[in-house]
Amino acid sequence: METRKQLTVLLLLLSLILALLPLTANRSFKGRPAALLEGVLQSETSFSADQVAGFIVNEAGDVQLFDLRPSVEYGQAFIPGAVSVPYAGFIRTDPDTWLRDRNKKMILYSSDDTEAAAAMTYARGLGYDNTFFLRGGMEEWIKTVSSTEFTGERLTARENALLETRRKAAGMYNELRSLPDSLKAKYLESKKFSARKLDGGCQ
């Protein structure tokens, strides 16, 4: 039932985007909206918080994260390596500004699924099939990665590896959050998006 509600919300959002968006030659939909929305429900179009944590810990150079939340929220806490591109700005600008590097997985996230899934649907509709979203968004990241702890008696090798990845990613996340305001401002300035070049992937 929850999935059906999310799909309904996404249909409404996509309808609104299509109604308000002045599509041009390089901004016209290439797919059928129904097929695009169905894609949101497929696991191939999204990544879990654990998968994103793995990309960060392994410093995957073929991944770029985009934080679609308002700039104020991004300034308070963000997933390491993410670039701030508020949702309204992402939808209003030429997507090539953000998504031109087809060799990278472009992962969008917001507070939860709604805006990121809508933005991914919009981007894929314009032909950017290298675009994905983080399932559960920042809320899921905090619950799964940032607040992770082991409760039990025994760990399998797989569980131990997963826990270690979560701990490393959470350490990086918490380190950024705990920076003094002056250092955080410098860090955020260094992560500002350049339309000419998007540095590095997850770092």
Foldseek 3Di string as FASTA:
>chain_A
DVVVVLLVLLVVLLVVLVVPPDADPLQAFPDDLVVLSVVLPDPVQADELLVVLVCQVVQPQQEAEEEQEPPVVVLQFDQFRYEYDHLVNCSHDRVCLPQVPLSHQYEYAYQAVRSRSSSQSSCVRSPNSSYHYYHGGPPRNCVPQQPDDDDDDDDDPVRVVSNVSSPVSNVVRVVLNPDPPVVNVVVNVVCHRDSVDHDTHGD
